[in-house]
Amino acid sequence: MRLHLSLDSEHIVPPKKIPQHDECGILIVEDEKIWRQIYKINLFKQSSNRKYKFYEASNGREALTLLAQHSSSIRIILLDLVMPTMEGQEFIEFLVTKWGLSHLGIFVLTAYGNEETMQQSQLRGVRAFIDKQNINFEQVSLLIEQFLDIAEKPKGISTGFYLENRPSSTGDREDIYLRWNLGEERAEGFRLGPIEEIEAVDLPNLRTEFDIDQAQEP
């Protein structure tokens, strides 16, 4: 099957299924091949209980084509914001606004982040921002697994769960928050804990005991 991509990307048919299985397709959208190789090699080393299958795109247009072709496999997108042809923000806008794919885990990998860009991306469903110059692949793999673990549950699929890093109130560390979309650019959530302690969080109990309807905005 060969797809021809028009300038407005309207000819690509959006994926319709939310895959649920032990294999996770990870789409790496990065214009520099060396970075794509670094991500693949290091995340492969971190995979244990779940098999990672990697797809590569050098820009947003290639990424949309791969999503249309492999919709039953791709569940995670590692996305660079600064790329030629279709940059990261434009890709996110198309993915969420036109295709409505809020169930995908989008993780932004960039060395050029700013506060306004981060806020806009979070409203569009970006799960986390990761500094590609100081990347901890063990932490990235943990974030991916936590997102998949939660998002596979029915409530996660319907509400769009995602993880978000925030500076603590004292400013001396970063905390991880579990968030979910409420529509109309609103979200609720609660603090899971400091990044360095997140492995101690009992996510199975969290899923069964937490009542989303009684949550408070952190």
C-alpha atoms as a PDB file:
ATOM      1  CA  MET A   1       0.000   0.000   0.000  1.00  0.00           C
ATOM      2  CA  ARG A   2       1.411   3.388  -0.982  1.00  0.00           C
ATOM      3  CA  LEU A   3       0.087   6.672   0.405  1.00  0.00           C
ATOM      4  CA  HIS A   4       0.544   9.990  -1.414  1.00  0.00           C
ATOM      5  CA  LEU A   5       0.556  12.891   1.021  1.00  0.00           C
ATOM      6  CA  SER A   6      -1.058  16.134  -0.097  1.00  0.00           C
ATOM      7  CA  LEU A   7       0.114  19.516   1.172  1.00  0.00           C
ATOM      8  CA  ASP A   8      -2.737  19.742   3.675  1.00  0.00           C
ATOM      9  CA  SER A   9      -2.454  16.086   4.713  1.00  0.00           C
ATOM     10  CA  GLU A  10      -6.197  15.604   4.147  1.00  0.00           C
ATOM     11  CA  HIS A  11      -5.760  12.400   2.122  1.00  0.00           C
ATOM     12  CA  ILE A  12      -4.432  10.400   5.051  1.00  0.00           C
ATOM     13  CA  VAL A  13      -7.115   8.305   6.723  1.00  0.00           C
ATOM     14  CA  PRO A  14      -6.822   8.643  10.516  1.00  0.00           C
ATOM     15  CA  PRO A  15      -6.482   5.482  12.612  1.00  0.00           C
ATOM     16  CA  LYS A  16      -9.633   4.391  14.412  1.00  0.00           C
ATOM     17  CA  LYS A  17      -8.565   1.650  16.833  1.00  0.00           C
ATOM     18  CA  ILE A  18      -7.032   1.868  20.290  1.00  0.00           C
ATOM     19  CA  PRO A  19      -4.648  -1.124  20.426  1.00  0.00           C
ATOM     20  CA  GLN A  20      -4.391  -3.078  23.668  1.00  0.00           C
ATOM     21  CA  HIS A  21      -1.698  -5.752  23.849  1.00  0.00           C
ATOM     22  CA  ASP A  22       1.772  -6.446  25.207  1.00  0.00           C
ATOM     23  CA  GLU A  23       3.572  -5.006  22.180  1.00  0.00           C
ATOM     24  CA  CYS A  24       3.953  -1.239  22.060  1.00  0.00           C
ATOM     25  CA  GLY A  25       4.666   0.610  18.840  1.00  0.00           C
ATOM     26  CA  ILE A  26       6.787   3.723  19.429  1.00  0.00           C
ATOM     27  CA  LEU A  27       6.899   6.338  16.688  1.00  0.00           C
ATOM     28  CA  ILE A  28      10.072   8.449  16.852  1.00  0.00           C
ATOM     29  CA  VAL A  29       9.600  11.766  15.040  1.00  0.00           C
ATOM     30  CA  GLU A  30      13.011  13.426  14.803  1.00  0.00           C
ATOM     31  CA  ASP A  31      14.807  14.956  11.823  1.00  0.00           C
ATOM     32  CA  GLU A  32      18.293  13.874  12.941  1.00  0.00           C
ATOM     33  CA  LYS A  33      18.946  10.191  12.287  1.00  0.00           C
ATOM     34  CA  ILE A  34      21.579   9.919  15.013  1.00  0.00           C
ATOM     35  CA  TRP A  35      19.011  10.959  17.642  1.00  0.00           C
ATOM     36  CA  ARG A  36      16.515   8.400  16.335  1.00  0.00           C
ATOM     37  CA  GLN A  37      19.142   5.693  16.708  1.00  0.00           C
ATOM     38  CA  ILE A  38      20.000   6.846  20.236  1.00  0.00           C
ATOM     39  CA  TYR A  39      16.347   6.692  21.296  1.00  0.00           C
ATOM     40  CA  LYS A  40      15.817   3.256  19.761  1.00  0.00           C
ATOM     41  CA  ILE A  41      18.922   1.637  21.208  1.00  0.00           C
ATOM     42  CA  ASN A  42      18.460   2.971  24.719  1.00  0.00           C
ATOM     43  CA  LEU A  43      14.717   2.354  24.986  1.00  0.00           C
ATOM     44  CA  PHE A  44      15.220  -1.172  23.652  1.00  0.00           C
ATOM     45  CA  LYS A  45      17.670  -1.761  26.505  1.00  0.00           C
ATOM     46  CA  GLN A  46      15.044  -0.561  29.004  1.00  0.00           C
ATOM     47  CA  SER A  47      12.168  -2.698  27.692  1.00  0.00           C
ATOM     48  CA  SER A  48      11.401  -5.718  29.854  1.00  0.00           C
ATOM     49  CA  ASN A  49       7.792  -6.891  30.263  1.00  0.00           C
ATOM     50  CA  ARG A  50       6.612  -5.204  27.089  1.00  0.00           C
ATOM     51  CA  LYS A  51       8.069  -5.517  23.594  1.00  0.00           C
ATOM     52  CA  TYR A  52       8.807  -2.205  21.886  1.00  0.00           C
ATOM     53  CA  LYS A  53       8.469  -1.923  18.113  1.00  0.00           C
ATOM     54  CA  PHE A  54       9.968   1.230  16.623  1.00  0.00           C
ATOM     55  CA  TYR A  55       8.888   3.380  13.687  1.00  0.00           C
ATOM     56  CA  GLU A  56      10.889   6.363  12.424  1.00  0.00           C
ATOM     57  CA  ALA A  57       9.882   9.638  10.776  1.00  0.00           C
ATOM     58  CA  SER A  58      12.036  12.660   9.979  1.00  0.00           C
ATOM     59  CA  ASN A  59       9.127  15.143  10.049  1.00  0.00           C
ATOM     60  CA  GLY A  60       5.444  15.459  10.902  1.00  0.00           C
ATOM     61  CA  ARG A  61       4.179  14.511   7.440  1.00  0.00           C
ATOM     62  CA  GLU A  62       6.084  11.236   7.438  1.00  0.00           C
ATOM     63  CA  ALA A  63       4.764  10.598  10.952  1.00  0.00           C
ATOM     64  CA  LEU A  64       1.138  11.030   9.845  1.00  0.00           C
ATOM     65  CA  THR A  65       1.689   8.540   7.034  1.00  0.00           C
ATOM     66  CA  LEU A  66       3.162   5.977   9.435  1.00  0.00           C
ATOM     67  CA  LEU A  67       0.283   6.493  11.872  1.00  0.00           C
ATOM     68  CA  ALA A  68      -2.221   5.790   9.113  1.00  0.00           C
ATOM     69  CA  GLN A  69      -0.347   2.658   8.031  1.00  0.00           C
ATOM     70  CA  HIS A  70       0.327   1.250  11.516  1.00  0.00           C
ATOM     71  CA  SER A  71      -2.635   2.448  13.567  1.00  0.00           C
ATOM     72  CA  SER A  72      -3.049  -0.910  15.318  1.00  0.00           C
ATOM     73  CA  SER A  73       0.505  -0.817  16.671  1.00  0.00           C
ATOM     74  CA  ILE A  74       1.590   2.767  17.447  1.00  0.00           C
ATOM     75  CA  ARG A  75       0.701   3.874  20.968  1.00  0.00           C
ATOM     76  CA  ILE A  76       3.568   6.207  21.898  1.00  0.00           C
ATOM     77  CA  ILE A  77       5.030   9.155  19.985  1.00  0.00           C
ATOM     78  CA  LEU A  78       8.435  10.613  20.858  1.00  0.00           C
ATOM     79  CA  LEU A  79       8.354  13.985  19.162  1.00  0.00           C
ATOM     80  CA  ASP A  80      10.942  16.653  18.444  1.00  0.00           C
ATOM     81  CA  LEU A  81       9.376  20.110  18.073  1.00  0.00           C
ATOM     82  CA  VAL A  82      11.904  21.663  15.671  1.00  0.00           C
ATOM     83  CA  MET A  83      11.775  19.875  12.304  1.00  0.00           C
ATOM     84  CA  PRO A  84      11.475  20.741   8.605  1.00  0.00           C
ATOM     85  CA  THR A  85       8.343  20.261   6.445  1.00  0.00           C
ATOM     86  CA  MET A  86       5.895  19.858   9.353  1.00  0.00           C
ATOM     87  CA  GLU A  87       7.243  20.801  12.775  1.00  0.00           C
ATOM     88  CA  GLY A  88       6.154  19.314  16.075  1.00  0.00           C
ATOM     89  CA  GLN A  89       3.492  21.841  17.098  1.00  0.00           C
ATOM     90  CA  GLU A  90       1.801  21.655  13.699  1.00  0.00           C
ATOM     91  CA  PHE A  91       1.879  17.861  13.902  1.00  0.00           C
ATOM     92  CA  ILE A  92       0.276  17.877  17.369  1.00  0.00           C
ATOM     93  CA  GLU A  93      -2.401  20.311  16.200  1.00  0.00           C
ATOM     94  CA  PHE A  94      -3.282  18.097  13.228  1.00  0.00           C
ATOM     95  CA  LEU A  95      -3.177  14.899  15.263  1.00  0.00           C
ATOM     96  CA  VAL A  96      -5.451  16.100  18.068  1.00  0.00           C
ATOM     97  CA  THR A  97      -7.713  18.654  16.348  1.00  0.00           C
ATOM     98  CA  LYS A  98      -8.325  16.944  12.996  1.00  0.00           C
ATOM     99  CA  TRP A  99      -7.895  13.291  13.905  1.00  0.00           C
ATOM    100  CA  GLY A 100      -8.947  13.455  17.561  1.00  0.00           C
ATOM    101  CA  LEU A 101      -6.243  11.023  18.699  1.00  0.00           C
ATOM    102  CA  SER A 102      -6.133  12.032  22.360  1.00  0.00           C
ATOM    103  CA  HIS A 103      -5.504   8.421  23.439  1.00  0.00           C
ATOM    104  CA  LEU A 104      -1.927   8.404  22.086  1.00  0.00           C
ATOM    105  CA  GLY A 105       0.954   9.094  24.437  1.00  0.00           C
ATOM    106  CA  ILE A 106       2.845  12.089  23.024  1.00  0.00           C
ATOM    107  CA  PHE A 107       6.181  12.794  24.715  1.00  0.00           C
ATOM    108  CA  VAL A 108       8.041  15.879  23.512  1.00  0.00           C
ATOM    109  CA  LEU A 109      11.825  15.584  23.262  1.00  0.00           C
ATOM    110  CA  THR A 110      13.414  18.965  22.766  1.00  0.00           C
ATOM    111  CA  ALA A 111      16.307  21.203  23.693  1.00  0.00           C
ATOM    112  CA  TYR A 112      14.382  24.373  22.842  1.00  0.00           C
ATOM    113  CA  GLY A 113      11.461  24.390  25.256  1.00  0.00           C
ATOM    114  CA  ASN A 114       9.811  27.564  26.533  1.00  0.00           C
ATOM    115  CA  GLU A 115       6.964  28.074  28.982  1.00  0.00           C
ATOM    116  CA  GLU A 116       4.376  29.229  26.429  1.00  0.00           C
ATOM    117  CA  THR A 117       5.125  26.352  24.061  1.00  0.00           C
ATOM    118  CA  MET A 118       4.895  23.842  26.900  1.00  0.00           C
ATOM    119  CA  GLN A 119       1.545  25.190  28.094  1.00  0.00           C
ATOM    120  CA  GLN A 120       0.062  25.131  24.596  1.00  0.00           C
ATOM    121  CA  SER A 121       1.291  21.586  24.029  1.00  0.00           C
ATOM    122  CA  GLN A 122      -0.092  20.352  27.348  1.00  0.00           C
ATOM    123  CA  LEU A 123      -3.535  21.678  26.444  1.00  0.00           C
ATOM    124  CA  ARG A 124      -3.312  19.574  23.278  1.00  0.00           C
ATOM    125  CA  GLY A 125      -2.539  16.420  25.242  1.00  0.00           C
ATOM    126  CA  VAL A 126       1.261  16.207  25.424  1.00  0.00           C
ATOM    127  CA  ARG A 127       2.070  13.824  28.287  1.00  0.00           C
ATOM    128  CA  ALA A 128       5.538  15.061  29.260  1.00  0.00           C
ATOM    129  CA  PHE A 129       8.479  17.220  28.174  1.00  0.00           C
ATOM    130  CA  ILE A 130      11.930  15.640  28.184  1.00  0.00           C
ATOM    131  CA  ASP A 131      15.218  17.497  27.763  1.00  0.00           C
ATOM    132  CA  LYS A 132      16.979  15.623  24.957  1.00  0.00           C
ATOM    133  CA  GLN A 133      20.368  16.972  26.063  1.00  0.00           C
ATOM    134  CA  ASN A 134      20.026  15.432  29.547  1.00  0.00           C
ATOM    135  CA  ILE A 135      17.821  12.461  28.843  1.00  0.00           C
ATOM    136  CA  ASN A 136      17.398   9.644  31.364  1.00  0.00           C
ATOM    137  CA  PHE A 137      16.136   6.656  29.385  1.00  0.00           C
ATOM    138  CA  GLU A 138      15.222   4.683  32.469  1.00  0.00           C
ATOM    139  CA  GLN A 139      12.924   7.548  33.461  1.00  0.00           C
ATOM    140  CA  VAL A 140      11.492   7.843  29.935  1.00  0.00           C
ATOM    141  CA  SER A 141      10.730   4.127  29.867  1.00  0.00           C
ATOM    142  CA  LEU A 142       9.062   4.404  33.279  1.00  0.00           C
ATOM    143  CA  LEU A 143       6.867   7.292  32.099  1.00  0.00           C
ATOM    144  CA  ILE A 144       5.882   5.325  28.995  1.00  0.00           C
ATOM    145  CA  GLU A 145       4.967   2.234  30.995  1.00  0.00           C
ATOM    146  CA  GLN A 146       2.971   4.228  33.540  1.00  0.00           C
ATOM    147  CA  PHE A 147       1.040   5.966  30.787  1.00  0.00           C
ATOM    148  CA  LEU A 148       0.281   2.668  29.023  1.00  0.00           C
ATOM    149  CA  ASP A 149      -0.691   0.989  32.283  1.00  0.00           C
ATOM    150  CA  ILE A 150      -3.257   3.683  33.064  1.00  0.00           C
ATOM    151  CA  ALA A 151      -4.426   4.495  29.535  1.00  0.00           C
ATOM    152  CA  GLU A 152      -5.341   0.874  28.761  1.00  0.00           C
ATOM    153  CA  LYS A 153      -8.107   0.974  31.362  1.00  0.00           C
ATOM    154  CA  PRO A 154     -11.584   2.049  30.163  1.00  0.00           C
ATOM    155  CA  LYS A 155     -11.598   5.309  32.144  1.00  0.00           C
ATOM    156  CA  GLY A 156      -8.161   6.166  30.865  1.00  0.00           C
ATOM    157  CA  ILE A 157      -9.215   5.624  27.275  1.00  0.00           C
ATOM    158  CA  SER A 158     -12.365   7.723  27.597  1.00  0.00           C
ATOM    159  CA  THR A 159     -10.869  10.623  29.548  1.00  0.00           C
ATOM    160  CA  GLY A 160      -7.337  10.828  28.137  1.00  0.00           C
ATOM    161  CA  PHE A 161      -5.025  10.212  31.100  1.00  0.00           C
ATOM    162  CA  TYR A 162      -1.533  11.627  30.904  1.00  0.00           C
ATOM    163  CA  LEU A 163       1.470  12.284  33.136  1.00  0.00           C
ATOM    164  CA  GLU A 164       2.858  15.755  33.715  1.00  0.00           C
ATOM    165  CA  ASN A 165       6.070  16.997  35.329  1.00  0.00           C
ATOM    166  CA  ARG A 166       5.749  20.089  37.543  1.00  0.00           C
ATOM    167  CA  PRO A 167       8.178  21.943  39.814  1.00  0.00           C
ATOM    168  CA  SER A 168       7.411  21.346  43.481  1.00  0.00           C
ATOM    169  CA  SER A 169       6.118  24.177  45.657  1.00  0.00           C
ATOM    170  CA  THR A 170       9.599  24.586  47.149  1.00  0.00           C
ATOM    171  CA  GLY A 171      11.232  24.605  43.716  1.00  0.00           C
ATOM    172  CA  ASP A 172      13.910  22.069  44.684  1.00  0.00           C
ATOM    173  CA  ARG A 173      12.561  19.098  42.715  1.00  0.00           C
ATOM    174  CA  GLU A 174      10.023  18.022  40.103  1.00  0.00           C
ATOM    175  CA  ASP A 175       6.858  16.103  40.907  1.00  0.00           C
ATOM    176  CA  ILE A 176       4.832  13.867  38.607  1.00  0.00           C
ATOM    177  CA  TYR A 177       1.092  14.463  38.345  1.00  0.00           C
ATOM    178  CA  LEU A 178      -1.512  12.156  36.886  1.00  0.00           C
ATOM    179  CA  ARG A 179      -3.850  14.311  34.786  1.00  0.00           C
ATOM    180  CA  TRP A 180      -6.907  13.773  32.627  1.00  0.00           C
ATOM    181  CA  ASN A 181      -8.723  15.906  30.088  1.00  0.00           C
ATOM    182  CA  LEU A 182     -12.192  17.304  30.754  1.00  0.00           C
ATOM    183  CA  GLY A 183     -12.591  19.021  27.390  1.00  0.00           C
ATOM    184  CA  GLU A 184     -12.702  22.724  26.576  1.00  0.00           C
ATOM    185  CA  GLU A 185      -9.008  23.092  27.516  1.00  0.00           C
ATOM    186  CA  ARG A 186      -9.658  21.994  31.115  1.00  0.00           C
ATOM    187  CA  ALA A 187      -7.952  19.224  33.030  1.00  0.00           C
ATOM    188  CA  GLU A 188      -7.931  17.764  36.522  1.00  0.00           C
ATOM    189  CA  GLY A 189      -5.376  15.654  38.296  1.00  0.00           C
ATOM    190  CA  PHE A 190      -3.410  14.834  41.414  1.00  0.00           C
ATOM    191  CA  ARG A 191       0.188  14.464  42.531  1.00  0.00           C
ATOM    192  CA  LEU A 192       1.756  11.012  42.308  1.00  0.00           C
ATOM    193  CA  GLY A 193       5.020  12.041  43.962  1.00  0.00           C
ATOM    194  CA  PRO A 194       8.592  13.142  43.300  1.00  0.00           C
ATOM    195  CA  ILE A 195      10.141  11.778  40.124  1.00  0.00           C
ATOM    196  CA  GLU A 196      12.869   9.950  42.024  1.00  0.00           C
ATOM    197  CA  GLU A 197      10.269   8.129  44.165  1.00  0.00           C
ATOM    198  CA  ILE A 198       7.666   7.391  41.520  1.00  0.00           C
ATOM    199  CA  GLU A 199       8.535   3.701  41.298  1.00  0.00           C
ATOM    200  CA  ALA A 200       7.074   3.278  44.794  1.00  0.00           C
ATOM    201  CA  VAL A 201       3.595   4.367  43.691  1.00  0.00           C
ATOM    202  CA  ASP A 202       1.138   1.456  43.679  1.00  0.00           C
ATOM    203  CA  LEU A 203      -0.588   2.067  40.349  1.00  0.00           C
ATOM    204  CA  PRO A 204      -2.835  -1.047  40.451  1.00  0.00           C
ATOM    205  CA  ASN A 205      -4.367   0.112  43.749  1.00  0.00           C
ATOM    206  CA  LEU A 206      -4.526   3.643  42.407  1.00  0.00           C
ATOM    207  CA  ARG A 207      -6.662   2.470  39.505  1.00  0.00           C
ATOM    208  CA  THR A 208      -9.100   0.487  41.620  1.00  0.00           C
ATOM    209  CA  GLU A 209      -9.419   2.815  44.609  1.00  0.00           C
ATOM    210  CA  PHE A 210      -9.272   6.264  43.062  1.00  0.00           C
ATOM    211  CA  ASP A 211     -12.616   7.906  42.248  1.00  0.00           C
ATOM    212  CA  ILE A 212     -12.147  10.265  39.325  1.00  0.00           C
ATOM    213  CA  ASP A 213     -15.416  12.073  40.083  1.00  0.00           C
ATOM    214  CA  GLN A 214     -14.187  13.179  43.525  1.00  0.00           C
ATOM    215  CA  ALA A 215     -10.758  14.429  42.452  1.00  0.00           C
ATOM    216  CA  GLN A 216      -9.477  17.889  43.229  1.00  0.00           C
ATOM    217  CA  GLU A 217      -7.386  20.104  40.967  1.00  0.00           C
ATOM    218  CA  PRO A 218      -3.830  20.178  42.432  1.00  0.00           C
END
